[in-house]
């Protein structure tokens, strides 16, 4: 009878146990490597946050238009016409064919009806514009101011009596007037100045003298 040689059972059992331990260890390592919080594989170390001085990208400077070497400006600055000084009784040509004059100055008792007005001794001034040109003249902006004394104290305006505004326009060959009333003390009328204007395109007229 032939005797079969066989591996001892104890040796086979320990060999299987060892294999199982290796397999289990491999599975555990694979699970640990894939779970968040495990030790990740080493990678590139991020660089520190750069400071403001480490930026090297140049900042472009604002462009400035280069000055023109030659040439003249195409738009002239607006200049207010100069004033014309004259006596209280004179006529003044403000533009070709258009004449301004003081028609009359009257002493009245001023009436106060507006805010800040004070009734009392006053002067009522009427200025006349005569249009001898061939076209209408706009005069709705006609304005009269009065100053008195050596210091040219501005006289306050009053609501009456007899205040009338300038017309909107004076036709060619026509005339028009406007009347204003001003607080001027009786003892301060030895030197007054009447300022008149009706357009930014013509000179301001300054009539001066004693009343």
N, C-alpha and C. Protein backbone atom coordinates (compact mmCIF):
# COMPACT_ATOMS: atom_id res chain seq x y z
N UNK A 1 0.87 -1.17 0.00
CA UNK A 1 0.00 0.00 0.00
C UNK A 1 0.90 1.21 0.00
N UNK A 2 0.58 2.13 -1.05
CA UNK A 2 1.45 3.33 -1.19
C UNK A 2 1.04 4.39 -0.20
N UNK A 3 1.95 5.02 0.51
CA UNK A 3 1.66 6.04 1.54
C UNK A 3 1.81 7.43 0.92
N UNK A 4 0.68 8.18 0.93
CA UNK A 4 0.67 9.55 0.35
C UNK A 4 1.27 10.52 1.35
N UNK A 5 2.19 11.35 0.78
CA UNK A 5 2.79 12.40 1.62
C UNK A 5 1.89 13.61 1.63
N UNK A 6 1.56 14.14 2.72
CA UNK A 6 0.66 15.34 2.82
C UNK A 6 1.32 16.36 3.74
N UNK A 7 0.97 17.64 3.43
CA UNK A 7 1.50 18.80 4.22
C UNK A 7 0.83 18.79 5.56
N UNK A 8 1.57 19.00 6.58
CA UNK A 8 0.98 19.01 7.91
C UNK A 8 -0.11 20.06 7.99
N UNK A 9 -1.21 19.68 8.68
CA UNK A 9 -2.36 20.62 8.77
C UNK A 9 -2.00 21.91 9.53
N UNK A 10 -1.17 21.80 10.49
CA UNK A 10 -0.83 23.01 11.26
C UNK A 10 -0.10 24.03 10.41
N UNK A 11 0.82 23.54 9.56
CA UNK A 11 1.57 24.48 8.71
C UNK A 11 0.66 25.19 7.74
N UNK A 12 -0.30 24.41 7.13
CA UNK A 12 -1.24 25.03 6.18
C UNK A 12 -2.08 26.07 6.86
N UNK A 13 -2.51 25.84 8.11
CA UNK A 13 -3.39 26.80 8.81
C UNK A 13 -2.64 28.10 9.05
N UNK A 14 -1.41 28.06 9.49
CA UNK A 14 -0.65 29.29 9.75
C UNK A 14 -0.36 30.04 8.46
N UNK A 15 -0.19 29.30 7.42
CA UNK A 15 0.05 29.99 6.13
C UNK A 15 -1.18 30.76 5.69
N UNK A 16 -2.37 30.20 5.85
CA UNK A 16 -3.63 30.89 5.50
C UNK A 16 -3.85 32.09 6.40
N UNK A 17 -3.53 31.93 7.66
CA UNK A 17 -3.72 33.06 8.58
C UNK A 17 -2.81 34.23 8.17
N UNK A 18 -1.58 33.90 7.82
CA UNK A 18 -0.65 34.96 7.40
C UNK A 18 -1.14 35.68 6.15
N UNK A 19 -1.67 34.89 5.18
CA UNK A 19 -2.18 35.50 3.95
C UNK A 19 -3.35 36.41 4.26
N UNK A 20 -4.24 35.97 5.16
CA UNK A 20 -5.41 36.77 5.52
C UNK A 20 -4.98 38.08 6.17
N UNK A 21 -3.96 37.99 7.02
CA UNK A 21 -3.48 39.22 7.68
C UNK A 21 -2.94 40.21 6.66
N UNK A 22 -2.22 39.70 5.67
CA UNK A 22 -1.67 40.59 4.63
C UNK A 22 -2.79 41.26 3.85
N UNK A 23 -3.83 40.46 3.48
CA UNK A 23 -4.96 41.01 2.71
C UNK A 23 -5.67 42.09 3.53
N UNK A 24 -5.94 41.76 4.81
CA UNK A 24 -6.63 42.74 5.66
C UNK A 24 -5.82 44.03 5.80
N UNK A 25 -4.52 43.86 5.98
CA UNK A 25 -3.66 45.05 6.12
C UNK A 25 -3.69 45.90 4.87
N UNK A 26 -3.71 45.21 3.69
CA UNK A 26 -3.76 45.96 2.43
C UNK A 26 -5.06 46.73 2.30
N UNK A 27 -6.18 46.08 2.70
CA UNK A 27 -7.50 46.75 2.61
C UNK A 27 -7.55 47.95 3.54
N UNK A 28 -7.06 47.76 4.78
CA UNK A 28 -7.08 48.87 5.76
C UNK A 28 -6.25 50.04 5.26
N UNK A 29 -5.09 49.75 4.69
CA UNK A 29 -4.23 50.85 4.17
C UNK A 29 -4.92 51.60 3.06
N UNK A 30 -5.61 50.85 2.16
CA UNK A 30 -6.31 51.51 1.05
C UNK A 30 -7.43 52.38 1.56
N UNK A 31 -8.17 51.91 2.59
CA UNK A 31 -9.28 52.70 3.13
C UNK A 31 -8.77 53.96 3.81
N UNK A 32 -7.73 53.82 4.61
CA UNK A 32 -7.17 54.98 5.32
C UNK A 32 -6.65 56.01 4.33
N UNK A 33 -6.03 55.56 3.27
CA UNK A 33 -5.48 56.50 2.29
C UNK A 33 -6.58 57.28 1.58
N UNK A 34 -7.78 56.71 1.42
CA UNK A 34 -8.86 57.38 0.68
C UNK A 34 -9.79 58.18 1.55
N UNK A 35 -9.73 58.04 2.89
CA UNK A 35 -10.64 58.77 3.79
C UNK A 35 -10.11 60.17 4.02
N UNK A 36 -11.01 61.26 3.94
CA UNK A 36 -10.56 62.62 4.25
C UNK A 36 -9.98 62.68 5.64
N UNK A 37 -8.97 63.42 5.82
CA UNK A 37 -8.32 63.51 7.12
C UNK A 37 -7.12 62.62 7.20
N UNK A 38 -6.99 61.67 6.23
CA UNK A 38 -5.82 60.83 6.22
C UNK A 38 -4.62 61.61 5.75
N UNK A 39 -3.49 61.02 5.83
CA UNK A 39 -2.28 61.73 5.42
C UNK A 39 -2.22 61.77 3.92
N UNK A 40 -2.38 62.97 3.30
CA UNK A 40 -2.35 63.06 1.83
C UNK A 40 -0.94 62.91 1.32
N UNK A 41 -0.89 62.57 0.05
CA UNK A 41 0.42 62.44 -0.57
C UNK A 41 1.08 63.80 -0.63
N UNK A 42 2.34 63.84 -0.42
CA UNK A 42 3.02 65.15 -0.45
C UNK A 42 2.86 65.81 -1.79
N UNK A 43 2.58 67.12 -1.76
CA UNK A 43 2.41 67.87 -2.99
C UNK A 43 3.23 69.14 -2.94
N UNK A 44 3.07 69.99 -3.93
CA UNK A 44 3.84 71.25 -3.95
C UNK A 44 3.42 72.15 -2.81
N UNK A 45 4.35 72.76 -2.14
CA UNK A 45 4.08 73.66 -1.02
C UNK A 45 3.68 75.02 -1.57
N UNK A 46 2.48 75.54 -1.16
CA UNK A 46 2.06 76.85 -1.70
C UNK A 46 2.99 77.95 -1.21
N UNK A 47 3.17 78.88 -2.08
CA UNK A 47 4.05 79.99 -1.73
C UNK A 47 3.33 80.95 -0.82
N UNK A 48 4.07 81.72 -0.04
CA UNK A 48 3.48 82.69 0.89
C UNK A 48 2.78 83.79 0.10
N UNK A 49 1.74 84.39 0.73
CA UNK A 49 1.00 85.46 0.07
C UNK A 49 1.92 86.64 -0.20
N UNK A 50 1.96 87.12 -1.45
CA UNK A 50 2.89 88.22 -1.76
C UNK A 50 2.44 89.51 -1.10
N UNK A 51 3.38 90.29 -0.68
CA UNK A 51 3.08 91.60 -0.12
C UNK A 51 2.97 92.62 -1.23
N UNK A 52 2.51 93.86 -0.84
CA UNK A 52 2.29 94.89 -1.86
C UNK A 52 3.56 95.20 -2.62
N UNK A 53 4.70 95.13 -1.93
CA UNK A 53 5.95 95.48 -2.60
C UNK A 53 6.46 94.43 -3.53
N UNK A 54 5.85 93.22 -3.51
CA UNK A 54 6.34 92.13 -4.36
C UNK A 54 5.73 92.13 -5.73
N UNK A 55 4.66 92.95 -5.95
CA UNK A 55 4.05 92.98 -7.27
C UNK A 55 4.97 93.71 -8.23
N UNK A 56 5.16 93.14 -9.37
CA UNK A 56 6.08 93.74 -10.34
C UNK A 56 5.35 94.26 -11.56
N UNK A 57 3.99 94.06 -11.62
CA UNK A 57 3.26 94.54 -12.80
C UNK A 57 3.22 96.06 -12.79
N UNK A 58 3.73 96.73 -13.80
CA UNK A 58 3.76 98.20 -13.79
C UNK A 58 2.36 98.78 -13.91
N UNK A 59 2.09 99.87 -13.19
CA UNK A 59 0.81 100.58 -13.25
C UNK A 59 0.94 101.69 -14.28
N UNK A 60 0.09 101.69 -15.31
CA UNK A 60 0.23 102.73 -16.34
C UNK A 60 -0.12 104.10 -15.79
N UNK A 61 0.63 105.11 -16.17
CA UNK A 61 0.34 106.47 -15.75
C UNK A 61 -0.75 107.06 -16.64
N UNK A 62 -1.61 107.95 -16.06
CA UNK A 62 -2.68 108.55 -16.88
C UNK A 62 -2.09 109.34 -18.03
N UNK A 63 -2.72 109.20 -19.16
CA UNK A 63 -2.22 109.90 -20.34
C UNK A 63 -2.62 111.37 -20.29
N UNK A 64 -1.73 112.23 -20.70
CA UNK A 64 -1.98 113.67 -20.73
C UNK A 64 -1.79 114.13 -22.15
N UNK A 65 -2.79 114.87 -22.62
CA UNK A 65 -2.70 115.34 -24.00
C UNK A 65 -1.50 116.26 -24.15
N UNK A 66 -0.75 116.05 -25.17
CA UNK A 66 0.41 116.90 -25.39
C UNK A 66 -0.02 118.27 -25.87
N UNK A 67 0.64 119.31 -25.37
CA UNK A 67 0.24 120.66 -25.77
C UNK A 67 0.53 120.90 -27.24
N UNK A 68 -0.30 121.73 -27.83
CA UNK A 68 -0.10 122.06 -29.24
C UNK A 68 0.97 123.13 -29.35
N UNK A 69 1.92 122.89 -30.18
CA UNK A 69 3.03 123.82 -30.30
C UNK A 69 2.61 125.12 -30.94
N UNK A 70 1.73 125.04 -31.94
CA UNK A 70 1.33 126.23 -32.66
C UNK A 70 -0.19 126.28 -32.77
N UNK A 71 -0.70 127.39 -33.22
CA UNK A 71 -2.15 127.52 -33.42
C UNK A 71 -2.74 128.51 -32.43
N UNK A 72 -3.94 128.98 -32.73
CA UNK A 72 -4.65 129.94 -31.88
C UNK A 72 -5.97 129.34 -31.47
N UNK A 73 -6.49 129.71 -30.27
CA UNK A 73 -7.79 129.16 -29.83
C UNK A 73 -8.91 129.60 -30.76
N UNK A 74 -9.88 128.71 -30.92
CA UNK A 74 -10.98 129.01 -31.83
C UNK A 74 -12.13 129.72 -31.11
N UNK A 75 -12.11 129.72 -29.75
CA UNK A 75 -13.17 130.36 -28.99
C UNK A 75 -12.56 131.43 -28.10
N UNK A 76 -13.01 132.65 -28.24
CA UNK A 76 -12.51 133.74 -27.42
C UNK A 76 -13.29 133.79 -26.11
N UNK A 77 -12.62 134.07 -24.97
CA UNK A 77 -13.35 134.18 -23.70
C UNK A 77 -14.33 135.35 -23.73
N UNK A 78 -15.48 135.15 -23.07
CA UNK A 78 -16.49 136.20 -23.04
C UNK A 78 -16.03 137.34 -22.14
N UNK A 79 -16.13 138.53 -22.62
CA UNK A 79 -15.72 139.70 -21.85
C UNK A 79 -16.89 140.67 -21.73
N UNK A 80 -17.14 141.11 -20.51
CA UNK A 80 -18.22 142.06 -20.28
C UNK A 80 -17.78 143.43 -20.78
N UNK A 81 -18.66 144.10 -21.54
CA UNK A 81 -18.29 145.44 -22.01
C UNK A 81 -17.98 146.37 -20.84
N UNK A 82 -17.08 147.37 -21.08
CA UNK A 82 -16.74 148.30 -20.01
C UNK A 82 -17.87 149.27 -19.74
N UNK A 83 -17.74 149.90 -18.56
CA UNK A 83 -18.74 150.88 -18.15
C UNK A 83 -18.48 152.21 -18.83
N UNK A 84 -19.53 152.99 -19.00
CA UNK A 84 -19.44 154.35 -19.54
C UNK A 84 -19.91 155.31 -18.46
N UNK A 85 -19.06 156.25 -18.06
CA UNK A 85 -19.40 157.21 -17.03
C UNK A 85 -19.76 158.54 -17.67
N UNK A 86 -20.84 159.14 -17.17
CA UNK A 86 -21.31 160.40 -17.73
C UNK A 86 -22.10 161.17 -16.69
N UNK A 87 -22.54 162.38 -17.02
CA UNK A 87 -23.32 163.19 -16.10
C UNK A 87 -24.78 162.80 -16.09
N UNK A 88 -25.51 163.33 -15.09
CA UNK A 88 -26.93 162.98 -14.96
C UNK A 88 -27.75 163.49 -16.14
N UNK A 89 -27.31 164.56 -16.80
CA UNK A 89 -28.10 165.17 -17.87
C UNK A 89 -27.66 164.73 -19.26
N UNK A 90 -26.71 163.81 -19.36
CA UNK A 90 -26.16 163.44 -20.66
C UNK A 90 -26.92 162.28 -21.30
N UNK A 91 -26.83 162.22 -22.64
CA UNK A 91 -27.32 161.08 -23.40
C UNK A 91 -26.12 160.19 -23.76
N UNK A 92 -26.30 158.88 -23.68
CA UNK A 92 -25.21 157.95 -23.95
C UNK A 92 -25.64 156.95 -25.01
N UNK A 93 -24.82 156.79 -26.05
CA UNK A 93 -25.10 155.79 -27.07
C UNK A 93 -24.56 154.45 -26.58
N UNK A 94 -25.44 153.52 -26.28
CA UNK A 94 -25.03 152.21 -25.76
C UNK A 94 -24.66 151.24 -26.86
N UNK A 95 -25.23 151.41 -28.03
CA UNK A 95 -24.91 150.62 -29.23
C UNK A 95 -25.32 151.48 -30.42
N UNK A 96 -24.86 151.14 -31.62
CA UNK A 96 -25.15 152.00 -32.76
C UNK A 96 -26.65 152.31 -32.91
N UNK A 97 -26.99 153.58 -32.77
CA UNK A 97 -28.37 154.02 -32.95
C UNK A 97 -29.23 153.96 -31.70
N UNK A 98 -28.72 153.38 -30.59
CA UNK A 98 -29.51 153.23 -29.36
C UNK A 98 -28.93 154.15 -28.29
N UNK A 99 -29.79 155.02 -27.72
CA UNK A 99 -29.35 156.03 -26.76
C UNK A 99 -30.08 155.89 -25.44
N UNK A 100 -29.33 155.99 -24.34
CA UNK A 100 -29.91 155.95 -22.99
C UNK A 100 -29.77 157.32 -22.34
N UNK A 101 -30.78 157.72 -21.58
CA UNK A 101 -30.73 159.00 -20.88
C UNK A 101 -31.64 158.94 -19.65
N UNK A 102 -31.36 159.79 -18.65
CA UNK A 102 -32.24 159.90 -17.49
C UNK A 102 -33.35 160.88 -17.87
N UNK A 103 -34.55 160.39 -17.93
CA UNK A 103 -35.68 161.24 -18.31
C UNK A 103 -36.07 162.19 -17.18
N UNK A 104 -36.04 161.69 -15.94
CA UNK A 104 -36.32 162.55 -14.79
C UNK A 104 -35.93 161.84 -13.50
N UNK A 105 -35.62 162.65 -12.47
CA UNK A 105 -35.38 162.19 -11.10
C UNK A 105 -36.28 163.02 -10.19
N UNK A 106 -37.11 162.34 -9.41
CA UNK A 106 -38.09 163.04 -8.58
C UNK A 106 -37.94 162.63 -7.12
N UNK A 107 -38.13 163.60 -6.23
CA UNK A 107 -38.15 163.32 -4.80
C UNK A 107 -39.56 162.89 -4.41
N UNK A 108 -39.69 161.71 -3.82
CA UNK A 108 -41.01 161.19 -3.44
C UNK A 108 -40.95 160.59 -2.05
N UNK A 109 -42.12 160.26 -1.53
CA UNK A 109 -42.20 159.54 -0.27
C UNK A 109 -42.33 158.05 -0.61
N UNK A 110 -41.28 157.31 -0.36
CA UNK A 110 -41.23 155.91 -0.77
C UNK A 110 -42.24 155.04 -0.05
N UNK A 111 -42.80 154.10 -0.77
CA UNK A 111 -43.79 153.16 -0.21
C UNK A 111 -43.14 151.78 -0.06
N UNK A 112 -43.31 151.20 1.13
CA UNK A 112 -42.72 149.88 1.41
C UNK A 112 -43.82 148.84 1.42
N UNK A 113 -43.78 147.93 0.45
CA UNK A 113 -44.76 146.84 0.40
C UNK A 113 -44.09 145.46 0.30
N UNK A 114 -42.83 145.44 0.04
CA UNK A 114 -42.13 144.15 -0.10
C UNK A 114 -41.27 143.84 1.11
N UNK A 115 -40.78 142.60 1.23
CA UNK A 115 -39.93 142.20 2.36
C UNK A 115 -38.66 143.04 2.44
N UNK A 116 -38.34 143.52 3.65
CA UNK A 116 -37.11 144.28 3.87
C UNK A 116 -37.16 145.73 3.45
N UNK A 117 -38.24 146.18 2.85
CA UNK A 117 -38.34 147.57 2.42
C UNK A 117 -38.67 148.48 3.60
N UNK A 118 -38.16 149.73 3.53
CA UNK A 118 -38.42 150.72 4.57
C UNK A 118 -38.93 151.98 3.91
N UNK A 119 -40.15 152.37 4.24
CA UNK A 119 -40.74 153.57 3.67
C UNK A 119 -40.01 154.81 4.18
N UNK A 120 -39.97 155.86 3.35
CA UNK A 120 -39.32 157.10 3.77
C UNK A 120 -38.89 157.93 2.57
N UNK A 121 -38.06 158.92 2.79
CA UNK A 121 -37.59 159.79 1.71
C UNK A 121 -36.94 158.97 0.60
N UNK A 122 -37.31 159.27 -0.62
CA UNK A 122 -36.82 158.43 -1.72
C UNK A 122 -36.68 159.26 -3.00
N UNK A 123 -35.98 158.66 -3.96
CA UNK A 123 -35.85 159.23 -5.30
C UNK A 123 -36.47 158.26 -6.30
N UNK A 124 -37.27 158.84 -7.20
CA UNK A 124 -37.87 158.03 -8.27
C UNK A 124 -37.13 158.37 -9.56
N UNK A 125 -36.50 157.35 -10.15
CA UNK A 125 -35.64 157.55 -11.31
C UNK A 125 -36.27 156.89 -12.53
N UNK A 126 -36.38 157.66 -13.61
CA UNK A 126 -36.91 157.14 -14.87
C UNK A 126 -35.84 157.25 -15.94
N UNK A 127 -35.52 156.14 -16.58
CA UNK A 127 -34.52 156.11 -17.65
C UNK A 127 -35.22 155.76 -18.97
N UNK A 128 -34.82 156.48 -19.99
CA UNK A 128 -35.43 156.31 -21.32
C UNK A 128 -34.41 155.76 -22.31
N UNK A 129 -34.87 154.82 -23.14
CA UNK A 129 -34.06 154.27 -24.23
C UNK A 129 -34.71 154.66 -25.55
N UNK A 130 -33.93 155.24 -26.43
CA UNK A 130 -34.42 155.62 -27.76
C UNK A 130 -33.72 154.75 -28.79
N UNK A 131 -34.51 154.03 -29.58
CA UNK A 131 -33.95 153.10 -30.56
C UNK A 131 -33.98 153.72 -31.95
N UNK A 132 -32.84 154.25 -32.37
CA UNK A 132 -32.74 154.83 -33.70
C UNK A 132 -32.16 153.86 -34.71
N UNK A 133 -32.01 152.58 -34.34
CA UNK A 133 -31.44 151.59 -35.26
C UNK A 133 -32.55 151.02 -36.15
N UNK A 134 -32.16 150.09 -37.02
CA UNK A 134 -33.13 149.50 -37.95
C UNK A 134 -33.66 148.15 -37.48
N UNK A 135 -33.46 147.82 -36.21
CA UNK A 135 -34.00 146.57 -35.68
C UNK A 135 -34.42 146.74 -34.23
N UNK A 136 -35.30 145.87 -33.77
CA UNK A 136 -35.81 145.97 -32.40
C UNK A 136 -34.71 145.66 -31.38
N UNK A 137 -34.84 146.24 -30.19
CA UNK A 137 -33.87 146.05 -29.12
C UNK A 137 -34.58 145.40 -27.94
N UNK A 138 -34.03 144.28 -27.46
CA UNK A 138 -34.60 143.60 -26.30
C UNK A 138 -34.23 144.37 -25.03
N UNK A 139 -35.24 144.71 -24.20
CA UNK A 139 -34.97 145.50 -23.00
C UNK A 139 -35.65 144.93 -21.75
N UNK A 140 -36.15 143.69 -21.81
CA UNK A 140 -36.82 143.13 -20.63
C UNK A 140 -35.88 142.94 -19.45
N UNK A 141 -34.56 142.96 -19.70
CA UNK A 141 -33.58 142.84 -18.62
C UNK A 141 -33.12 144.19 -18.10
N UNK A 142 -33.82 145.26 -18.48
CA UNK A 142 -33.45 146.60 -18.03
C UNK A 142 -33.42 146.70 -16.51
N UNK A 143 -32.31 147.23 -15.96
CA UNK A 143 -32.13 147.29 -14.51
C UNK A 143 -31.50 148.62 -14.12
N UNK A 144 -32.06 149.23 -13.06
CA UNK A 144 -31.55 150.50 -12.53
C UNK A 144 -31.09 150.26 -11.09
N UNK A 145 -29.91 150.77 -10.74
CA UNK A 145 -29.40 150.77 -9.37
C UNK A 145 -28.97 152.19 -9.03
N UNK A 146 -29.05 152.55 -7.75
CA UNK A 146 -28.63 153.88 -7.30
C UNK A 146 -27.68 153.74 -6.12
N UNK A 147 -26.61 154.56 -6.12
CA UNK A 147 -25.66 154.64 -5.03
C UNK A 147 -25.56 156.10 -4.60
N UNK A 148 -25.28 156.34 -3.32
CA UNK A 148 -25.17 157.71 -2.84
C UNK A 148 -24.01 157.87 -1.87
N UNK A 149 -23.51 159.13 -1.78
CA UNK A 149 -22.42 159.44 -0.86
C UNK A 149 -21.05 159.08 -1.41
N UNK A 150 -20.01 159.48 -0.68
CA UNK A 150 -18.64 159.22 -1.10
C UNK A 150 -18.31 157.73 -1.13
N UNK A 151 -18.98 156.96 -0.27
CA UNK A 151 -18.70 155.52 -0.19
C UNK A 151 -19.56 154.69 -1.14
N UNK A 152 -20.33 155.35 -1.98
CA UNK A 152 -21.22 154.67 -2.93
C UNK A 152 -22.11 153.66 -2.19
N UNK A 153 -22.84 154.13 -1.22
CA UNK A 153 -23.74 153.27 -0.46
C UNK A 153 -24.90 152.83 -1.34
N UNK A 154 -25.16 151.53 -1.47
CA UNK A 154 -26.29 151.09 -2.31
C UNK A 154 -27.62 151.54 -1.71
N UNK A 155 -28.47 152.11 -2.53
CA UNK A 155 -29.80 152.54 -2.08
C UNK A 155 -30.77 151.37 -2.19
N UNK A 156 -31.59 151.19 -1.15
CA UNK A 156 -32.57 150.11 -1.18
C UNK A 156 -33.72 150.42 -2.12
N UNK A 157 -34.23 149.40 -2.80
CA UNK A 157 -35.36 149.60 -3.72
C UNK A 157 -36.68 149.55 -2.95
N UNK A 158 -37.68 150.26 -3.49
CA UNK A 158 -39.00 150.32 -2.89
C UNK A 158 -40.06 149.95 -3.92
N UNK A 159 -41.22 149.57 -3.42
CA UNK A 159 -42.30 149.13 -4.30
C UNK A 159 -43.05 150.28 -4.98
N UNK A 160 -42.89 151.49 -4.48
CA UNK A 160 -43.62 152.60 -5.08
C UNK A 160 -43.23 153.91 -4.44
N UNK A 161 -43.88 154.96 -4.95
CA UNK A 161 -44.97 154.94 -5.93
C UNK A 161 -44.46 155.06 -7.36
N UNK A 162 -45.29 154.59 -8.31
CA UNK A 162 -45.03 154.79 -9.73
C UNK A 162 -43.94 153.94 -10.34
N UNK A 163 -43.69 152.73 -9.79
CA UNK A 163 -42.67 151.84 -10.37
C UNK A 163 -43.22 151.17 -11.62
N UNK A 164 -42.45 151.21 -12.72
CA UNK A 164 -42.84 150.55 -13.96
C UNK A 164 -41.63 149.84 -14.56
N UNK A 165 -41.78 148.60 -15.00
CA UNK A 165 -40.65 147.88 -15.61
C UNK A 165 -40.42 148.33 -17.05
N UNK A 166 -39.25 147.98 -17.57
CA UNK A 166 -38.96 148.26 -18.97
C UNK A 166 -39.79 147.32 -19.85
N UNK A 167 -40.13 147.75 -21.06
CA UNK A 167 -40.87 146.85 -21.96
C UNK A 167 -39.98 145.69 -22.40
N UNK A 168 -40.61 144.65 -22.95
CA UNK A 168 -39.85 143.49 -23.42
C UNK A 168 -38.91 143.88 -24.55
N UNK A 169 -39.33 144.78 -25.41
CA UNK A 169 -38.47 145.25 -26.49
C UNK A 169 -38.94 146.61 -26.97
N UNK A 170 -38.01 147.31 -27.60
CA UNK A 170 -38.32 148.61 -28.20
C UNK A 170 -38.14 148.47 -29.70
N UNK A 171 -39.19 148.72 -30.49
CA UNK A 171 -39.07 148.53 -31.94
C UNK A 171 -38.15 149.56 -32.58
N UNK A 172 -37.72 149.28 -33.80
CA UNK A 172 -36.88 150.22 -34.54
C UNK A 172 -37.61 151.55 -34.69
N UNK A 173 -36.93 152.64 -34.37
CA UNK A 173 -37.53 153.97 -34.45
C UNK A 173 -38.38 154.34 -33.26
N UNK A 174 -38.49 153.46 -32.26
CA UNK A 174 -39.33 153.73 -31.10
C UNK A 174 -38.51 154.05 -29.85
N UNK A 175 -39.21 154.20 -28.72
CA UNK A 175 -38.55 154.48 -27.45
C UNK A 175 -39.34 153.83 -26.33
N UNK A 176 -38.70 153.63 -25.19
CA UNK A 176 -39.35 153.03 -24.03
C UNK A 176 -38.61 153.43 -22.77
N UNK A 177 -39.27 153.27 -21.63
CA UNK A 177 -38.65 153.70 -20.38
C UNK A 177 -39.03 152.77 -19.24
N UNK A 178 -38.27 152.88 -18.15
CA UNK A 178 -38.55 152.13 -16.93
C UNK A 178 -38.31 153.04 -15.73
N UNK A 179 -39.09 152.82 -14.66
CA UNK A 179 -39.00 153.68 -13.48
C UNK A 179 -38.82 152.84 -12.22
N UNK A 180 -37.90 153.26 -11.37
CA UNK A 180 -37.64 152.58 -10.09
C UNK A 180 -37.57 153.63 -8.98
N UNK A 181 -37.85 153.18 -7.74
CA UNK A 181 -37.82 154.07 -6.58
C UNK A 181 -36.79 153.54 -5.59
N UNK A 182 -36.01 154.47 -4.98
CA UNK A 182 -34.91 154.09 -4.10
C UNK A 182 -34.90 154.92 -2.82
N UNK A 183 -34.54 154.24 -1.71
CA UNK A 183 -34.33 154.94 -0.44
C UNK A 183 -33.05 155.77 -0.53
N UNK A 184 -33.14 157.08 -0.55
CA UNK A 184 -31.96 157.94 -0.53
C UNK A 184 -32.23 159.05 0.49
N UNK A 185 -31.50 159.07 1.60
CA UNK A 185 -31.72 160.11 2.61
C UNK A 185 -31.61 161.51 2.00
N UNK A 186 -32.40 162.44 2.50
CA UNK A 186 -32.42 163.80 1.96
C UNK A 186 -31.04 164.45 2.01
N UNK A 187 -30.29 164.23 3.09
CA UNK A 187 -28.98 164.87 3.23
C UNK A 187 -27.87 164.18 2.48
N UNK A 188 -28.16 163.11 1.74
CA UNK A 188 -27.13 162.34 1.03
C UNK A 188 -27.28 162.43 -0.49
N UNK A 189 -27.92 163.49 -0.96
CA UNK A 189 -28.20 163.57 -2.40
C UNK A 189 -27.25 164.52 -3.14
N UNK A 190 -26.21 164.96 -2.46
CA UNK A 190 -25.23 165.82 -3.13
C UNK A 190 -24.34 165.05 -4.09
N UNK A 191 -24.27 163.74 -3.94
CA UNK A 191 -23.48 162.89 -4.85
C UNK A 191 -24.19 161.55 -5.00
N UNK A 192 -24.82 161.35 -6.14
CA UNK A 192 -25.48 160.07 -6.40
C UNK A 192 -24.96 159.50 -7.72
N UNK A 193 -25.13 158.21 -7.87
CA UNK A 193 -24.74 157.53 -9.10
C UNK A 193 -25.87 156.61 -9.52
N UNK A 194 -26.32 156.76 -10.74
CA UNK A 194 -27.39 155.92 -11.29
C UNK A 194 -26.76 154.94 -12.27
N UNK A 195 -26.89 153.67 -11.97
CA UNK A 195 -26.31 152.62 -12.82
C UNK A 195 -27.42 151.97 -13.65
N UNK A 196 -27.18 151.88 -14.96
CA UNK A 196 -28.22 151.33 -15.84
C UNK A 196 -27.62 150.31 -16.80
N UNK A 197 -28.32 149.16 -16.95
CA UNK A 197 -27.93 148.15 -17.92
C UNK A 197 -29.18 147.44 -18.43
N UNK A 198 -29.13 146.96 -19.66
CA UNK A 198 -30.28 146.23 -20.21
C UNK A 198 -29.87 145.02 -21.03
N UNK A 199 -28.55 144.80 -21.20
CA UNK A 199 -28.07 143.65 -21.97
C UNK A 199 -26.61 143.39 -21.60
N UNK A 200 -26.21 142.11 -21.65
CA UNK A 200 -24.81 141.77 -21.39
C UNK A 200 -23.91 142.12 -22.57
N UNK A 201 -24.52 142.51 -23.69
CA UNK A 201 -23.75 142.82 -24.89
C UNK A 201 -23.43 144.30 -25.04
N UNK A 202 -23.91 145.14 -24.14
CA UNK A 202 -23.66 146.58 -24.24
C UNK A 202 -23.06 147.07 -22.93
N UNK A 203 -22.37 148.22 -22.95
CA UNK A 203 -21.74 148.73 -21.72
C UNK A 203 -22.77 149.10 -20.66
N UNK A 204 -22.34 149.04 -19.39
CA UNK A 204 -23.13 149.57 -18.28
C UNK A 204 -22.93 151.07 -18.23
N UNK A 205 -24.03 151.82 -18.11
CA UNK A 205 -23.94 153.28 -18.08
C UNK A 205 -24.01 153.76 -16.64
N UNK A 206 -23.09 154.65 -16.25
CA UNK A 206 -23.05 155.22 -14.91
C UNK A 206 -23.28 156.71 -15.01
N UNK A 207 -24.49 157.15 -14.63
CA UNK A 207 -24.80 158.58 -14.59
C UNK A 207 -24.49 159.07 -13.17
N UNK A 208 -23.75 160.16 -13.04
CA UNK A 208 -23.42 160.66 -11.70
C UNK A 208 -23.56 162.17 -11.62
N UNK A 209 -23.85 162.64 -10.39
CA UNK A 209 -24.01 164.08 -10.16
C UNK A 209 -24.80 164.34 -8.91
N UNK A 210 -25.22 165.57 -8.74
CA UNK A 210 -26.00 165.99 -7.57
C UNK A 210 -27.45 166.21 -7.97
N UNK A 211 -28.37 165.93 -7.01
CA UNK A 211 -29.80 166.12 -7.26
C UNK A 211 -30.24 167.39 -6.54
